[in-house]
């Protein structure tokens, strides 16, 4: 699948356009940002530049960025609010802009204190809703027979099983190459921030992937994608997401049943079966334990039980 540069057609004067391109290169080289993260940053900045073009009446340059006031930034947030953008997306867009402005200031290209003084929109915290074990497995089984082309059904079942059985994000699963298919009971995964982790792979997952590859009409090897679409290119996440929406209707699953919910389910079911948070954190590739705690809907009772089982003074031993 050919990637489209989000900065192509960037609505800005030459000086700012060149600076934005250099900034993106810096993110890739110095921050080692993943491709999806780079695209998200670039889209946010391109969207802001397009707003400024209409707001100022001309494509913005570096001098225009330096002259922006808090009121101008608020006008942008109001426009995004009017477009129906949620607080979480607004917070992410502001983070992208702050990253750009900090880099511009460090490079001596532009300085503006107004953005730093702007309050970030408050995010609404919503807890993930995992599927039950039966619901997750029903979805995998139904995916295998829901398509007219048997190999596509096997592909969807293998991808969903990989997310539920190994806790992969949809992007991580679909980014795998044919050479990276699980062997020896383990899989090397490249996650957010280009961080790699090793996750164990159950035999049933390896078997499902093997059955898909055997049925696939395309001979996949080396750096070619592991999961491909009907025409042989890398499988688009939207295809798998639409299939899960279809399965929701067929199986009567809740609206919360998404490909990402399978990853939530993986973590929650491990915890419910006695897995410890630190191990689950490593398997998920979370940078912090707090993210894992929220992810698995850990409550105080469960935390006390984990603490009591792990801490030497928490174990009751006879005198």
C-alpha atoms as a PDB file:
ATOM      1  CA  UNK A   1       0.000   0.000   0.000  1.00  0.00           C
ATOM      2  CA  UNK A   2       1.443   3.366  -1.045  1.00  0.00           C
ATOM      3  CA  UNK A   3       1.628   5.886   1.777  1.00  0.00           C
ATOM      4  CA  UNK A   4       0.417   9.417   1.046  1.00  0.00           C
ATOM      5  CA  UNK A   5       2.479  12.223   2.546  1.00  0.00           C
ATOM      6  CA  UNK A   6       0.102  14.273   4.764  1.00  0.00           C
ATOM      7  CA  UNK A   7       2.302  17.336   4.118  1.00  0.00           C
ATOM      8  CA  UNK A   8       1.799  17.153   0.348  1.00  0.00           C
ATOM      9  CA  UNK A   9      -0.216  20.189  -0.695  1.00  0.00           C
ATOM     10  CA  UNK A  10       0.690  21.845   2.629  1.00  0.00           C
ATOM     11  CA  UNK A  11      -0.994  25.273   2.675  1.00  0.00           C
ATOM     12  CA  UNK A  12       1.893  27.483   3.805  1.00  0.00           C
ATOM     13  CA  UNK A  13       4.450  29.969   2.530  1.00  0.00           C
ATOM     14  CA  UNK A  14       7.776  28.441   1.380  1.00  0.00           C
ATOM     15  CA  UNK A  15       9.641  29.219   4.615  1.00  0.00           C
ATOM     16  CA  UNK A  16       7.110  27.478   6.842  1.00  0.00           C
ATOM     17  CA  UNK A  17       6.639  24.588   4.400  1.00  0.00           C
ATOM     18  CA  UNK A  18      10.388  23.923   4.396  1.00  0.00           C
ATOM     19  CA  UNK A  19      10.558  24.170   8.197  1.00  0.00           C
ATOM     20  CA  UNK A  20       7.640  21.731   8.574  1.00  0.00           C
ATOM     21  CA  UNK A  21       9.403  19.216   6.333  1.00  0.00           C
ATOM     22  CA  UNK A  22      12.610  19.512   8.382  1.00  0.00           C
ATOM     23  CA  UNK A  23      10.617  19.142  11.597  1.00  0.00           C
ATOM     24  CA  UNK A  24       9.094  15.921  10.329  1.00  0.00           C
ATOM     25  CA  UNK A  25      12.533  14.581   9.421  1.00  0.00           C
ATOM     26  CA  UNK A  26      13.705  15.458  12.942  1.00  0.00           C
ATOM     27  CA  UNK A  27      10.768  13.552  14.452  1.00  0.00           C
ATOM     28  CA  UNK A  28      11.717  10.488  12.430  1.00  0.00           C
ATOM     29  CA  UNK A  29      15.473  10.673  13.064  1.00  0.00           C
ATOM     30  CA  UNK A  30      15.716  12.028  16.617  1.00  0.00           C
ATOM     31  CA  UNK A  31      12.424  11.042  18.192  1.00  0.00           C
ATOM     32  CA  UNK A  32      12.261   7.782  16.213  1.00  0.00           C
ATOM     33  CA  UNK A  33       8.521   8.325  15.810  1.00  0.00           C
ATOM     34  CA  UNK A  34       6.598   5.519  14.123  1.00  0.00           C
ATOM     35  CA  UNK A  35       5.189   6.086  10.623  1.00  0.00           C
ATOM     36  CA  UNK A  36       1.610   6.350  11.893  1.00  0.00           C
ATOM     37  CA  UNK A  37       2.681   8.892  14.527  1.00  0.00           C
ATOM     38  CA  UNK A  38       4.526  10.944  11.909  1.00  0.00           C
ATOM     39  CA  UNK A  39       1.434  10.960   9.705  1.00  0.00           C
ATOM     40  CA  UNK A  40      -0.778  12.030  12.605  1.00  0.00           C
ATOM     41  CA  UNK A  41       1.558  14.917  13.526  1.00  0.00           C
ATOM     42  CA  UNK A  42       1.757  16.012   9.888  1.00  0.00           C
ATOM     43  CA  UNK A  43      -2.025  15.888   9.411  1.00  0.00           C
ATOM     44  CA  UNK A  44      -2.566  18.001  12.529  1.00  0.00           C
ATOM     45  CA  UNK A  45      -0.077  20.645  11.401  1.00  0.00           C
ATOM     46  CA  UNK A  46      -1.414  20.664   7.823  1.00  0.00           C
ATOM     47  CA  UNK A  47      -4.947  21.123   9.181  1.00  0.00           C
ATOM     48  CA  UNK A  48      -3.817  24.063  11.328  1.00  0.00           C
ATOM     49  CA  UNK A  49      -2.045  25.648   8.348  1.00  0.00           C
ATOM     50  CA  UNK A  50      -5.201  25.292   6.234  1.00  0.00           C
ATOM     51  CA  UNK A  51      -7.198  27.011   8.986  1.00  0.00           C
ATOM     52  CA  UNK A  52      -4.685  29.861   9.151  1.00  0.00           C
ATOM     53  CA  UNK A  53      -4.818  30.291   5.368  1.00  0.00           C
ATOM     54  CA  UNK A  54      -8.562  30.986   5.586  1.00  0.00           C
ATOM     55  CA  UNK A  55      -8.266  32.867   8.895  1.00  0.00           C
ATOM     56  CA  UNK A  56      -5.446  35.206   7.794  1.00  0.00           C
ATOM     57  CA  UNK A  57      -6.402  35.397   4.141  1.00  0.00           C
ATOM     58  CA  UNK A  58      -3.093  34.001   2.860  1.00  0.00           C
ATOM     59  CA  UNK A  59      -0.850  30.955   3.402  1.00  0.00           C
ATOM     60  CA  UNK A  60       0.962  31.485   6.736  1.00  0.00           C
ATOM     61  CA  UNK A  61       4.696  31.960   7.092  1.00  0.00           C
ATOM     62  CA  UNK A  62       6.984  31.697  10.115  1.00  0.00           C
ATOM     63  CA  UNK A  63       6.417  35.358  10.964  1.00  0.00           C
ATOM     64  CA  UNK A  64       2.663  34.727  11.079  1.00  0.00           C
ATOM     65  CA  UNK A  65       3.147  31.884  13.575  1.00  0.00           C
ATOM     66  CA  UNK A  66       5.240  34.151  15.783  1.00  0.00           C
ATOM     67  CA  UNK A  67       2.505  36.805  15.798  1.00  0.00           C
ATOM     68  CA  UNK A  68      -0.383  34.480  16.750  1.00  0.00           C
ATOM     69  CA  UNK A  69      -2.148  35.320  20.023  1.00  0.00           C
ATOM     70  CA  UNK A  70      -3.986  33.096  22.470  1.00  0.00           C
ATOM     71  CA  UNK A  71      -7.195  34.400  20.914  1.00  0.00           C
ATOM     72  CA  UNK A  72      -6.074  33.129  17.501  1.00  0.00           C
ATOM     73  CA  UNK A  73      -5.371  29.653  18.868  1.00  0.00           C
ATOM     74  CA  UNK A  74      -8.750  29.655  20.597  1.00  0.00           C
ATOM     75  CA  UNK A  75     -10.381  30.529  17.281  1.00  0.00           C
ATOM     76  CA  UNK A  76      -8.817  27.384  15.832  1.00  0.00           C
ATOM     77  CA  UNK A  77     -10.079  25.257  18.730  1.00  0.00           C
ATOM     78  CA  UNK A  78     -13.561  26.746  18.316  1.00  0.00           C
ATOM     79  CA  UNK A  79     -13.524  25.869  14.618  1.00  0.00           C
ATOM     80  CA  UNK A  80     -12.497  22.305  15.409  1.00  0.00           C
ATOM     81  CA  UNK A  81     -15.186  22.083  18.093  1.00  0.00           C
ATOM     82  CA  UNK A  82     -17.763  23.280  15.574  1.00  0.00           C
ATOM     83  CA  UNK A  83     -16.616  20.479  13.264  1.00  0.00           C
ATOM     84  CA  UNK A  84     -17.549  17.969  15.983  1.00  0.00           C
ATOM     85  CA  UNK A  85     -14.044  17.060  17.106  1.00  0.00           C
ATOM     86  CA  UNK A  86     -13.883  15.557  20.600  1.00  0.00           C
ATOM     87  CA  UNK A  87     -11.709  16.733  23.473  1.00  0.00           C
ATOM     88  CA  UNK A  88      -9.250  13.844  23.116  1.00  0.00           C
ATOM     89  CA  UNK A  89      -8.610  14.677  19.450  1.00  0.00           C
ATOM     90  CA  UNK A  90      -8.270  18.380  20.260  1.00  0.00           C
ATOM     91  CA  UNK A  91      -5.741  17.586  22.988  1.00  0.00           C
ATOM     92  CA  UNK A  92      -3.730  15.478  20.542  1.00  0.00           C
ATOM     93  CA  UNK A  93      -3.785  18.244  17.905  1.00  0.00           C
ATOM     94  CA  UNK A  94      -2.566  20.782  20.450  1.00  0.00           C
ATOM     95  CA  UNK A  95       0.218  18.382  21.413  1.00  0.00           C
ATOM     96  CA  UNK A  96       1.284  18.180  17.754  1.00  0.00           C
ATOM     97  CA  UNK A  97       1.338  21.970  17.446  1.00  0.00           C
ATOM     98  CA  UNK A  98       3.304  22.385  20.684  1.00  0.00           C
ATOM     99  CA  UNK A  99       5.877  19.889  19.442  1.00  0.00           C
ATOM    100  CA  UNK A 100       6.276  21.895  16.236  1.00  0.00           C
ATOM    101  CA  UNK A 101       6.493  25.267  18.008  1.00  0.00           C
ATOM    102  CA  UNK A 102       9.086  23.977  20.506  1.00  0.00           C
ATOM    103  CA  UNK A 103      11.207  22.694  17.649  1.00  0.00           C
ATOM    104  CA  UNK A 104      10.878  25.991  15.741  1.00  0.00           C
ATOM    105  CA  UNK A 105      11.993  27.925  18.831  1.00  0.00           C
ATOM    106  CA  UNK A 106      14.928  25.590  19.458  1.00  0.00           C
ATOM    107  CA  UNK A 107      16.037  26.050  15.851  1.00  0.00           C
ATOM    108  CA  UNK A 108      15.763  29.831  16.155  1.00  0.00           C
ATOM    109  CA  UNK A 109      13.087  30.034  13.466  1.00  0.00           C
ATOM    110  CA  UNK A 110      10.084  31.221  15.443  1.00  0.00           C
ATOM    111  CA  UNK A 111       9.068  31.907  19.051  1.00  0.00           C
ATOM    112  CA  UNK A 112       5.532  32.182  20.431  1.00  0.00           C
ATOM    113  CA  UNK A 113       4.565  31.936  24.113  1.00  0.00           C
ATOM    114  CA  UNK A 114       0.812  32.101  23.479  1.00  0.00           C
ATOM    115  CA  UNK A 115       0.420  28.421  22.668  1.00  0.00           C
ATOM    116  CA  UNK A 116       2.191  27.353  25.870  1.00  0.00           C
ATOM    117  CA  UNK A 117      -0.259  29.434  27.887  1.00  0.00           C
ATOM    118  CA  UNK A 118      -3.276  27.811  26.254  1.00  0.00           C
ATOM    119  CA  UNK A 119      -5.076  25.280  28.433  1.00  0.00           C
ATOM    120  CA  UNK A 120      -5.380  21.788  26.985  1.00  0.00           C
ATOM    121  CA  UNK A 121      -9.025  20.617  26.618  1.00  0.00           C
ATOM    122  CA  UNK A 122      -9.971  18.226  29.372  1.00  0.00           C
ATOM    123  CA  UNK A 123     -10.114  14.663  28.144  1.00  0.00           C
ATOM    124  CA  UNK A 124     -13.066  12.492  29.034  1.00  0.00           C
ATOM    125  CA  UNK A 125     -11.736   9.251  30.454  1.00  0.00           C
ATOM    126  CA  UNK A 126     -13.630   6.260  29.128  1.00  0.00           C
ATOM    127  CA  UNK A 127     -12.745   2.791  30.294  1.00  0.00           C
ATOM    128  CA  UNK A 128     -12.350   0.061  27.691  1.00  0.00           C
ATOM    129  CA  UNK A 129     -15.076  -2.585  27.497  1.00  0.00           C
ATOM    130  CA  UNK A 130     -13.611  -6.020  26.839  1.00  0.00           C
ATOM    131  CA  UNK A 131     -15.573  -8.891  25.336  1.00  0.00           C
ATOM    132  CA  UNK A 132     -16.217 -12.066  27.265  1.00  0.00           C
ATOM    133  CA  UNK A 133     -14.128 -15.093  26.306  1.00  0.00           C
ATOM    134  CA  UNK A 134     -17.138 -16.662  24.550  1.00  0.00           C
ATOM    135  CA  UNK A 135     -17.885 -13.473  22.605  1.00  0.00           C
ATOM    136  CA  UNK A 136     -14.262 -13.121  21.473  1.00  0.00           C
ATOM    137  CA  UNK A 137     -14.038 -16.733  20.318  1.00  0.00           C
ATOM    138  CA  UNK A 138     -17.453 -16.571  18.641  1.00  0.00           C
ATOM    139  CA  UNK A 139     -16.242 -13.573  16.631  1.00  0.00           C
ATOM    140  CA  UNK A 140     -13.131 -15.452  15.512  1.00  0.00           C
ATOM    141  CA  UNK A 141     -15.129 -18.536  14.505  1.00  0.00           C
ATOM    142  CA  UNK A 142     -17.746 -16.493  12.647  1.00  0.00           C
ATOM    143  CA  UNK A 143     -15.068 -14.554  10.768  1.00  0.00           C
ATOM    144  CA  UNK A 144     -13.737 -17.815   9.338  1.00  0.00           C
ATOM    145  CA  UNK A 145     -17.023 -18.552   7.539  1.00  0.00           C
ATOM    146  CA  UNK A 146     -18.458 -15.073   6.928  1.00  0.00           C
ATOM    147  CA  UNK A 147     -16.791 -14.527   3.537  1.00  0.00           C
ATOM    148  CA  UNK A 148     -17.573 -16.106   0.165  1.00  0.00           C
ATOM    149  CA  UNK A 149     -13.837 -16.523  -0.444  1.00  0.00           C
ATOM    150  CA  UNK A 150     -12.616 -19.144   2.057  1.00  0.00           C
ATOM    151  CA  UNK A 151      -9.059 -17.755   2.164  1.00  0.00           C
ATOM    152  CA  UNK A 152     -10.345 -14.320   3.171  1.00  0.00           C
ATOM    153  CA  UNK A 153     -12.324 -15.874   6.011  1.00  0.00           C
ATOM    154  CA  UNK A 154      -9.204 -17.710   7.167  1.00  0.00           C
ATOM    155  CA  UNK A 155      -7.253 -14.430   6.940  1.00  0.00           C
ATOM    156  CA  UNK A 156      -9.761 -12.510   9.065  1.00  0.00           C
ATOM    157  CA  UNK A 157      -9.965 -15.296  11.649  1.00  0.00           C
ATOM    158  CA  UNK A 158      -6.160 -15.477  11.905  1.00  0.00           C
ATOM    159  CA  UNK A 159      -5.800 -11.700  12.313  1.00  0.00           C
ATOM    160  CA  UNK A 160      -8.531 -11.472  14.963  1.00  0.00           C
ATOM    161  CA  UNK A 161      -7.127 -14.467  16.815  1.00  0.00           C
ATOM    162  CA  UNK A 162      -3.694 -12.838  16.818  1.00  0.00           C
ATOM    163  CA  UNK A 163      -5.161  -9.715  18.454  1.00  0.00           C
ATOM    164  CA  UNK A 164      -7.113 -11.687  21.038  1.00  0.00           C
ATOM    165  CA  UNK A 165      -4.555 -14.424  21.685  1.00  0.00           C
ATOM    166  CA  UNK A 166      -1.401 -12.284  21.681  1.00  0.00           C
ATOM    167  CA  UNK A 167      -2.724  -8.808  22.560  1.00  0.00           C
ATOM    168  CA  UNK A 168      -1.587  -7.057  19.384  1.00  0.00           C
ATOM    169  CA  UNK A 169      -2.915  -3.708  18.215  1.00  0.00           C
ATOM    170  CA  UNK A 170      -4.575  -3.877  14.797  1.00  0.00           C
ATOM    171  CA  UNK A 171      -1.760  -1.778  13.325  1.00  0.00           C
ATOM    172  CA  UNK A 172       0.867  -4.088  14.816  1.00  0.00           C
ATOM    173  CA  UNK A 173      -0.796  -7.191  13.383  1.00  0.00           C
ATOM    174  CA  UNK A 174      -1.243  -5.736   9.900  1.00  0.00           C
ATOM    175  CA  UNK A 175       2.307  -4.324   9.846  1.00  0.00           C
ATOM    176  CA  UNK A 176       3.828  -7.809  10.142  1.00  0.00           C
ATOM    177  CA  UNK A 177       5.746  -9.115   7.154  1.00  0.00           C
ATOM    178  CA  UNK A 178       5.560 -12.687   5.915  1.00  0.00           C
ATOM    179  CA  UNK A 179       9.049 -13.293   7.316  1.00  0.00           C
ATOM    180  CA  UNK A 180       7.811 -12.224  10.762  1.00  0.00           C
ATOM    181  CA  UNK A 181       5.094 -14.868  11.028  1.00  0.00           C
ATOM    182  CA  UNK A 182       5.226 -16.594  14.422  1.00  0.00           C
ATOM    183  CA  UNK A 183       7.664 -19.476  14.688  1.00  0.00           C
ATOM    184  CA  UNK A 184       8.940 -21.282  17.740  1.00  0.00           C
ATOM    185  CA  UNK A 185       6.031 -20.156  19.873  1.00  0.00           C
ATOM    186  CA  UNK A 186       6.989 -16.464  19.931  1.00  0.00           C
ATOM    187  CA  UNK A 187       6.589 -13.323  17.854  1.00  0.00           C
ATOM    188  CA  UNK A 188       8.652 -10.118  17.710  1.00  0.00           C
ATOM    189  CA  UNK A 189       6.314  -7.108  17.554  1.00  0.00           C
ATOM    190  CA  UNK A 190       7.195  -3.506  16.742  1.00  0.00           C
ATOM    191  CA  UNK A 191       4.827  -1.203  18.616  1.00  0.00           C
ATOM    192  CA  UNK A 192       4.451   2.483  19.356  1.00  0.00           C
ATOM    193  CA  UNK A 193       7.648   4.512  19.223  1.00  0.00           C
ATOM    194  CA  UNK A 194       9.319   1.687  17.242  1.00  0.00           C
ATOM    195  CA  UNK A 195       9.702  -0.265  20.487  1.00  0.00           C
ATOM    196  CA  UNK A 196       9.942  -4.012  20.045  1.00  0.00           C
ATOM    197  CA  UNK A 197       8.690  -6.707  22.366  1.00  0.00           C
ATOM    198  CA  UNK A 198       8.482 -10.478  22.308  1.00  0.00           C
ATOM    199  CA  UNK A 199       5.062 -12.045  22.831  1.00  0.00           C
ATOM    200  CA  UNK A 200       4.291 -15.741  23.183  1.00  0.00           C
ATOM    201  CA  UNK A 201       2.080 -17.234  20.481  1.00  0.00           C
ATOM    202  CA  UNK A 202      -0.229 -20.130  21.252  1.00  0.00           C
ATOM    203  CA  UNK A 203      -0.154 -23.106  18.850  1.00  0.00           C
ATOM    204  CA  UNK A 204      -3.764 -22.439  17.837  1.00  0.00           C
ATOM    205  CA  UNK A 205      -2.745 -18.961  16.590  1.00  0.00           C
ATOM    206  CA  UNK A 206       0.206 -20.302  14.607  1.00  0.00           C
ATOM    207  CA  UNK A 207      -2.072 -22.973  13.134  1.00  0.00           C
ATOM    208  CA  UNK A 208      -4.666 -20.375  12.109  1.00  0.00           C
ATOM    209  CA  UNK A 209      -2.000 -18.256  10.390  1.00  0.00           C
ATOM    210  CA  UNK A 210      -0.608 -21.359   8.687  1.00  0.00           C
ATOM    211  CA  UNK A 211      -4.079 -22.329   7.422  1.00  0.00           C
ATOM    212  CA  UNK A 212      -4.565 -18.813   6.039  1.00  0.00           C
ATOM    213  CA  UNK A 213      -1.192 -18.800   4.273  1.00  0.00           C
ATOM    214  CA  UNK A 214      -1.867 -22.235   2.781  1.00  0.00           C
ATOM    215  CA  UNK A 215      -5.201 -21.045   1.369  1.00  0.00           C
ATOM    216  CA  UNK A 216      -4.003 -17.592   0.255  1.00  0.00           C
ATOM    217  CA  UNK A 217      -3.723 -17.311  -3.551  1.00  0.00           C
ATOM    218  CA  UNK A 218      -0.670 -15.051  -3.184  1.00  0.00           C
ATOM    219  CA  UNK A 219       2.686 -16.561  -2.336  1.00  0.00           C
ATOM    220  CA  UNK A 220       3.843 -14.394   0.548  1.00  0.00           C
ATOM    221  CA  UNK A 221       7.485 -14.345   1.618  1.00  0.00           C
ATOM    222  CA  UNK A 222      10.210 -12.071   2.939  1.00  0.00           C
ATOM    223  CA  UNK A 223       9.228  -8.444   3.389  1.00  0.00           C
ATOM    224  CA  UNK A 224       5.837  -8.876   1.743  1.00  0.00           C
ATOM    225  CA  UNK A 225       2.928  -8.237   4.158  1.00  0.00           C
ATOM    226  CA  UNK A 226       1.674 -11.178   6.161  1.00  0.00           C
ATOM    227  CA  UNK A 227      -1.961 -10.105   5.867  1.00  0.00           C
ATOM    228  CA  UNK A 228      -3.053  -9.040   2.384  1.00  0.00           C
ATOM    229  CA  UNK A 229      -6.233  -7.749   0.819  1.00  0.00           C
ATOM    230  CA  UNK A 230      -8.187  -9.244  -2.067  1.00  0.00           C
ATOM    231  CA  UNK A 231      -5.779  -7.720  -4.608  1.00  0.00           C
ATOM    232  CA  UNK A 232      -2.616  -8.795  -2.809  1.00  0.00           C
ATOM    233  CA  UNK A 233      -1.632  -5.473  -1.189  1.00  0.00           C
ATOM    234  CA  UNK A 234      -1.217  -4.954   2.538  1.00  0.00           C
ATOM    235  CA  UNK A 235      -4.574  -5.364   4.287  1.00  0.00           C
ATOM    236  CA  UNK A 236      -6.164  -2.034   5.209  1.00  0.00           C
ATOM    237  CA  UNK A 237      -7.313  -1.778   8.858  1.00  0.00           C
ATOM    238  CA  UNK A 238     -10.684  -0.446   7.658  1.00  0.00           C
ATOM    239  CA  UNK A 239     -11.427  -3.764   5.953  1.00  0.00           C
ATOM    240  CA  UNK A 240     -11.017  -5.668   9.211  1.00  0.00           C
ATOM    241  CA  UNK A 241     -12.937  -3.048  11.176  1.00  0.00           C
ATOM    242  CA  UNK A 242     -15.874  -3.277   8.757  1.00  0.00           C
ATOM    243  CA  UNK A 243     -15.841  -7.052   9.042  1.00  0.00           C
ATOM    244  CA  UNK A 244     -16.067  -6.840  12.835  1.00  0.00           C
ATOM    245  CA  UNK A 245     -18.986  -4.399  12.538  1.00  0.00           C
ATOM    246  CA  UNK A 246     -20.680  -6.971  10.313  1.00  0.00           C
ATOM    247  CA  UNK A 247     -20.013  -9.727  12.845  1.00  0.00           C
ATOM    248  CA  UNK A 248     -21.547  -7.580  15.587  1.00  0.00           C
ATOM    249  CA  UNK A 249     -24.845  -7.686  13.734  1.00  0.00           C
ATOM    250  CA  UNK A 250     -24.611 -11.394  12.999  1.00  0.00           C
ATOM    251  CA  UNK A 251     -23.736 -12.385  16.569  1.00  0.00           C
ATOM    252  CA  UNK A 252     -25.629  -9.723  18.497  1.00  0.00           C
ATOM    253  CA  UNK A 253     -22.429  -8.359  20.034  1.00  0.00           C
ATOM    254  CA  UNK A 254     -22.359  -4.939  21.746  1.00  0.00           C
ATOM    255  CA  UNK A 255     -21.251  -1.779  19.941  1.00  0.00           C
ATOM    256  CA  UNK A 256     -18.040  -1.933  21.961  1.00  0.00           C
ATOM    257  CA  UNK A 257     -17.002  -5.047  20.001  1.00  0.00           C
ATOM    258  CA  UNK A 258     -14.145  -3.760  17.823  1.00  0.00           C
ATOM    259  CA  UNK A 259     -10.782  -5.215  16.763  1.00  0.00           C
ATOM    260  CA  UNK A 260      -9.159  -3.179  19.547  1.00  0.00           C
ATOM    261  CA  UNK A 261     -11.608  -4.635  22.069  1.00  0.00           C
ATOM    262  CA  UNK A 262      -9.961  -8.006  21.422  1.00  0.00           C
ATOM    263  CA  UNK A 263      -6.693  -6.584  22.761  1.00  0.00           C
ATOM    264  CA  UNK A 264      -8.548  -5.265  25.806  1.00  0.00           C
ATOM    265  CA  UNK A 265     -10.057  -8.714  26.254  1.00  0.00           C
ATOM    266  CA  UNK A 266      -6.636 -10.388  26.041  1.00  0.00           C
ATOM    267  CA  UNK A 267      -5.328  -8.238  28.906  1.00  0.00           C
ATOM    268  CA  UNK A 268      -8.454  -8.442  31.051  1.00  0.00           C
ATOM    269  CA  UNK A 269      -8.792 -12.210  30.739  1.00  0.00           C
ATOM    270  CA  UNK A 270      -5.125 -12.704  31.639  1.00  0.00           C
ATOM    271  CA  UNK A 271      -5.591 -10.603  34.752  1.00  0.00           C
ATOM    272  CA  UNK A 272      -8.779 -12.420  35.735  1.00  0.00           C
ATOM    273  CA  UNK A 273      -6.897 -15.714  35.420  1.00  0.00           C
ATOM    274  CA  UNK A 274      -4.197 -14.585  37.835  1.00  0.00           C
ATOM    275  CA  UNK A 275      -1.703 -12.847  35.565  1.00  0.00           C
ATOM    276  CA  UNK A 276       0.318 -10.067  37.219  1.00  0.00           C
ATOM    277  CA  UNK A 277       0.158  -6.489  35.990  1.00  0.00           C
ATOM    278  CA  UNK A 278       3.877  -6.176  35.245  1.00  0.00           C
ATOM    279  CA  UNK A 279       3.838  -9.173  32.902  1.00  0.00           C
ATOM    280  CA  UNK A 280       0.690  -7.944  31.174  1.00  0.00           C
ATOM    281  CA  UNK A 281       2.315  -4.516  30.802  1.00  0.00           C
ATOM    282  CA  UNK A 282       5.253  -6.118  28.979  1.00  0.00           C
ATOM    283  CA  UNK A 283       2.976  -8.191  26.745  1.00  0.00           C
ATOM    284  CA  UNK A 284       0.917  -5.143  25.767  1.00  0.00           C
ATOM    285  CA  UNK A 285       3.939  -2.921  25.211  1.00  0.00           C
ATOM    286  CA  UNK A 286       2.673  -0.220  27.586  1.00  0.00           C
ATOM    287  CA  UNK A 287       5.200   2.378  28.692  1.00  0.00           C
ATOM    288  CA  UNK A 288       3.640   2.715  32.155  1.00  0.00           C
ATOM    289  CA  UNK A 289       1.908   0.435  34.612  1.00  0.00           C
ATOM    290  CA  UNK A 290      -0.823   3.067  35.037  1.00  0.00           C
ATOM    291  CA  UNK A 291      -1.839   2.558  31.405  1.00  0.00           C
ATOM    292  CA  UNK A 292      -2.129  -1.187  31.971  1.00  0.00           C
ATOM    293  CA  UNK A 293      -4.184  -0.705  35.134  1.00  0.00           C
ATOM    294  CA  UNK A 294      -6.687   1.500  33.335  1.00  0.00           C
ATOM    295  CA  UNK A 295      -6.635  -0.751  30.300  1.00  0.00           C
ATOM    296  CA  UNK A 296      -7.642  -3.817  32.245  1.00  0.00           C
ATOM    297  CA  UNK A 297     -10.258  -2.074  34.407  1.00  0.00           C
ATOM    298  CA  UNK A 298      -8.390  -3.042  37.564  1.00  0.00           C
ATOM    299  CA  UNK A 299     -10.341  -2.152  40.675  1.00  0.00           C
ATOM    300  CA  UNK A 300      -9.159  -1.687  44.235  1.00  0.00           C
ATOM    301  CA  UNK A 301     -10.202  -5.168  45.320  1.00  0.00           C
ATOM    302  CA  UNK A 302      -8.181  -6.784  42.535  1.00  0.00           C
ATOM    303  CA  UNK A 303      -5.150  -4.593  43.266  1.00  0.00           C
ATOM    304  CA  UNK A 304      -5.260  -5.606  46.936  1.00  0.00           C
ATOM    305  CA  UNK A 305      -5.418  -9.263  45.949  1.00  0.00           C
ATOM    306  CA  UNK A 306      -2.426  -8.914  43.608  1.00  0.00           C
ATOM    307  CA  UNK A 307      -0.486  -7.040  46.296  1.00  0.00           C
ATOM    308  CA  UNK A 308      -1.300  -9.584  48.985  1.00  0.00           C
ATOM    309  CA  UNK A 309      -0.241 -12.476  46.764  1.00  0.00           C
ATOM    310  CA  UNK A 310       3.018 -10.819  45.695  1.00  0.00           C
ATOM    311  CA  UNK A 311       4.262  -9.110  48.853  1.00  0.00           C
ATOM    312  CA  UNK A 312       6.161 -11.302  51.367  1.00  0.00           C
ATOM    313  CA  UNK A 313       4.285  -9.805  54.309  1.00  0.00           C
ATOM    314  CA  UNK A 314       0.994 -10.363  52.509  1.00  0.00           C
ATOM    315  CA  UNK A 315       1.339 -14.141  52.553  1.00  0.00           C
ATOM    316  CA  UNK A 316       0.013 -15.888  55.657  1.00  0.00           C
ATOM    317  CA  UNK A 317       2.525 -18.462  56.795  1.00  0.00           C
ATOM    318  CA  UNK A 318       2.467 -20.465  60.049  1.00  0.00           C
ATOM    319  CA  UNK A 319       4.807 -19.391  62.828  1.00  0.00           C
END
